[in-house]
Amino acid sequence: MVPTTTAATTGSQEHLTLTHKLRKPLVEKLCRERINSSTEQLKSLLGPEFLKQQPDSRMEKADILEMTQQRTLFNHFNKLQPFSDNNLTESPVNSAPWRPW
């Protein structure tokens, strides 16, 4: 059986398309506002590191994200470092290395 389209179905699809065309710019604007707001929050959290780069120049969002990523990784590894140092000092110095053979 061949599908048929009726005037009601076509009108409904046109209405949905028109609604989508009207909503899309608004949704995109709200998304851009959220991204910009989050970027500004990250910039304020970076504080001194952000100002060290070039205080008079405007940094791109990608630069702010990269700096945030670097700082997060740095903080993460600093938290891991004391834990791994403790494990090294607790192990006996005279113990032989483990060998599976």
Protein backbone atom coordinates (compact mmCIF):
# COMPACT_ATOMS: atom_id res chain seq x y z
CA MET A 1 0.00 0.00 0.00
CA VAL A 2 1.36 3.43 -0.93
CA PRO A 3 1.41 6.04 1.84
CA THR A 4 -0.73 9.05 1.16
CA THR A 5 -0.44 12.54 2.52
CA THR A 6 -3.42 14.53 3.49
CA ALA A 7 -3.78 18.27 3.77
CA ALA A 8 -3.93 17.99 7.56
CA THR A 9 -0.63 16.12 7.73
CA THR A 10 1.12 18.55 5.40
CA GLY A 11 -0.19 21.54 7.35
CA SER A 12 0.97 19.99 10.60
CA GLN A 13 4.47 19.42 9.22
CA GLU A 14 4.64 23.00 7.96
CA HIS A 15 3.59 24.23 11.40
CA LEU A 16 6.31 22.12 13.06
CA THR A 17 8.90 23.40 10.58
CA LEU A 18 7.86 27.00 11.20
CA THR A 19 7.94 26.48 14.97
CA HIS A 20 11.39 24.91 14.70
CA LYS A 21 12.65 27.81 12.59
CA LEU A 22 11.38 30.29 15.16
CA ARG A 23 12.75 28.42 18.19
CA LYS A 24 16.17 27.50 16.83
CA PRO A 25 17.74 31.00 17.04
CA LEU A 26 16.41 31.43 20.58
CA VAL A 27 17.79 28.06 21.69
CA GLU A 28 21.16 28.82 20.09
CA LYS A 29 21.27 32.22 21.80
CA LEU A 30 20.58 30.65 25.20
CA CYS A 31 23.29 28.05 24.57
CA ARG A 32 25.83 30.75 23.63
CA GLU A 33 24.92 32.71 26.78
CA ARG A 34 25.53 29.62 28.94
CA ILE A 35 28.89 28.99 27.27
CA ASN A 36 29.93 32.62 27.69
CA SER A 37 28.84 32.67 31.33
CA SER A 38 30.75 29.47 32.10
CA THR A 39 33.83 30.79 30.31
CA GLU A 40 33.74 33.96 32.41
CA GLN A 41 33.45 31.88 35.58
CA LEU A 42 36.46 29.81 34.54
CA LYS A 43 38.39 32.98 33.76
CA SER A 44 37.68 34.35 37.24
CA LEU A 45 38.76 31.05 38.85
CA LEU A 46 42.06 31.13 36.97
CA GLY A 47 42.81 34.49 38.55
CA PRO A 48 46.54 35.26 38.61
CA GLU A 49 47.46 32.71 35.93
CA PHE A 50 45.06 34.41 33.58
CA LEU A 51 46.52 37.87 34.22
CA LYS A 52 50.11 36.64 33.80
CA GLN A 53 49.55 35.76 30.15
CA GLN A 54 48.81 39.18 28.67
CA PRO A 55 46.70 41.42 30.87
CA ASP A 56 45.63 43.80 28.10
CA SER A 57 44.78 41.22 25.43
CA ARG A 58 41.52 39.37 25.09
CA MET A 59 41.95 35.61 25.37
CA GLU A 60 39.89 33.24 23.27
CA LYS A 61 37.57 30.72 24.86
CA ALA A 62 39.85 27.90 23.72
CA ASP A 63 42.77 29.50 25.61
CA ILE A 64 40.69 29.71 28.78
CA LEU A 65 39.64 26.07 28.44
CA GLU A 66 43.25 24.95 27.87
CA MET A 67 44.49 26.88 30.90
CA THR A 68 41.70 25.40 33.02
CA GLN A 69 42.56 21.91 31.83
CA GLN A 70 46.26 22.41 32.62
CA ARG A 71 45.50 23.75 36.08
CA THR A 72 43.10 20.89 36.81
CA LEU A 73 45.67 18.30 35.75
CA PHE A 74 48.37 20.04 37.78
CA ASN A 75 46.16 20.03 40.89
CA HIS A 76 45.21 16.41 40.31
CA PHE A 77 48.82 15.25 40.06
CA ASN A 78 49.82 17.31 43.09
CA LYS A 79 47.17 15.50 45.12
CA LEU A 80 48.47 12.13 43.91
CA GLN A 81 52.13 12.92 44.60
CA PRO A 82 52.06 12.78 48.44
CA PHE A 83 50.18 9.49 48.30
CA SER A 84 52.75 7.87 46.01
CA ASP A 85 55.66 9.29 48.09
CA ASN A 86 54.19 7.70 51.22
CA ASN A 87 54.02 4.35 49.51
CA LEU A 88 57.67 4.61 48.51
CA THR A 89 58.85 5.48 52.03
CA GLU A 90 56.77 2.74 53.65
CA SER A 91 58.26 -0.05 51.54
CA PRO A 92 61.31 -1.74 53.05
CA VAL A 93 64.61 -0.69 51.50
CA ASN A 94 66.23 -4.11 51.78
CA SER A 95 63.44 -5.98 50.05
CA ALA A 96 64.24 -7.71 46.81
CA PRO A 97 62.36 -6.64 43.68
CA TRP A 98 59.53 -8.89 42.66
CA ARG A 99 60.44 -11.20 39.80
CA PRO A 100 57.92 -13.60 38.31
CA TRP A 101 60.57 -16.21 37.32
